[in-house]
Amino acid sequence: MAAVMDAAYAAPGLYWGAEPNDLCLRVLNLLGPGVASRRLVDLGCGEGRDAVRFARAGMEVLAVDVSAVGLEKAARWAASEGVALRTARASILDFRLEEPVDVIYSSGTLHHLPAGLRAEVLRHYREWIRPGGIFAGNAFVERPDIPVPPDWTPEEHHYRPGELLGHFAGWEVLSASGFSFPCTSGGIPHRHAMDEVVARRLR
């Protein structure tokens, strides 16, 4: 997967575009005026479209991705905007936090966790988010009415609908939704089904 994404990110421009995800903007809105100096980890940051936006808001951001090319682009982008951005090259399979954070954010990456590893990794995330902190993430889910995408790889694994939310029992669920959307990754139009969860740790 690293080689595939390196090749995609090596092309001119930004593979996913420059505008941040709607999830990124909603997280910033939830954090409100106290966003500055909060510590956030962006898992699967790609070329940095969300990580740079969080950094522009004053957050201490660690941008994590398996692609060295994507991280280099993210770092250059942050530097061009005069904001600090730490980067770490790591797979979501292996990356583990070593310090408490206020936000764990992941858009379009959690489906790289195989089913047998999810409970361990998501428990680790829950444990390292400070009380009052937020998890915001999404995952592709399997739906019988939506075919497997043409560019799906053996390193990607669908969740069951509602599965991601189930990992946050006892947390304050700020939003939880399931939806589908069109995509042209790989150059072939297709659709994805996705579940999204934003939850706050209470204690």
Foldseek 3Di string as FASTA:
>chain_A
DQVVLLVQLVDPDANVHQADDPLLVVVDVVCPPVLAAFEEEEAACFLPSSVLVSQVSHYAYEYEHQHPSSVVNNCVVNVVVPGDYHYDHDALQPDADDAAGQEYEYEPRPQLDDPVCVLVSLVRNLVRHDAFGKYKYKFFADDPVFDDDPPDDPSGHHDHVPPVVVSDPPWAWPDKDKDKDWDCVVNRIGMTIMIITMTGHHD
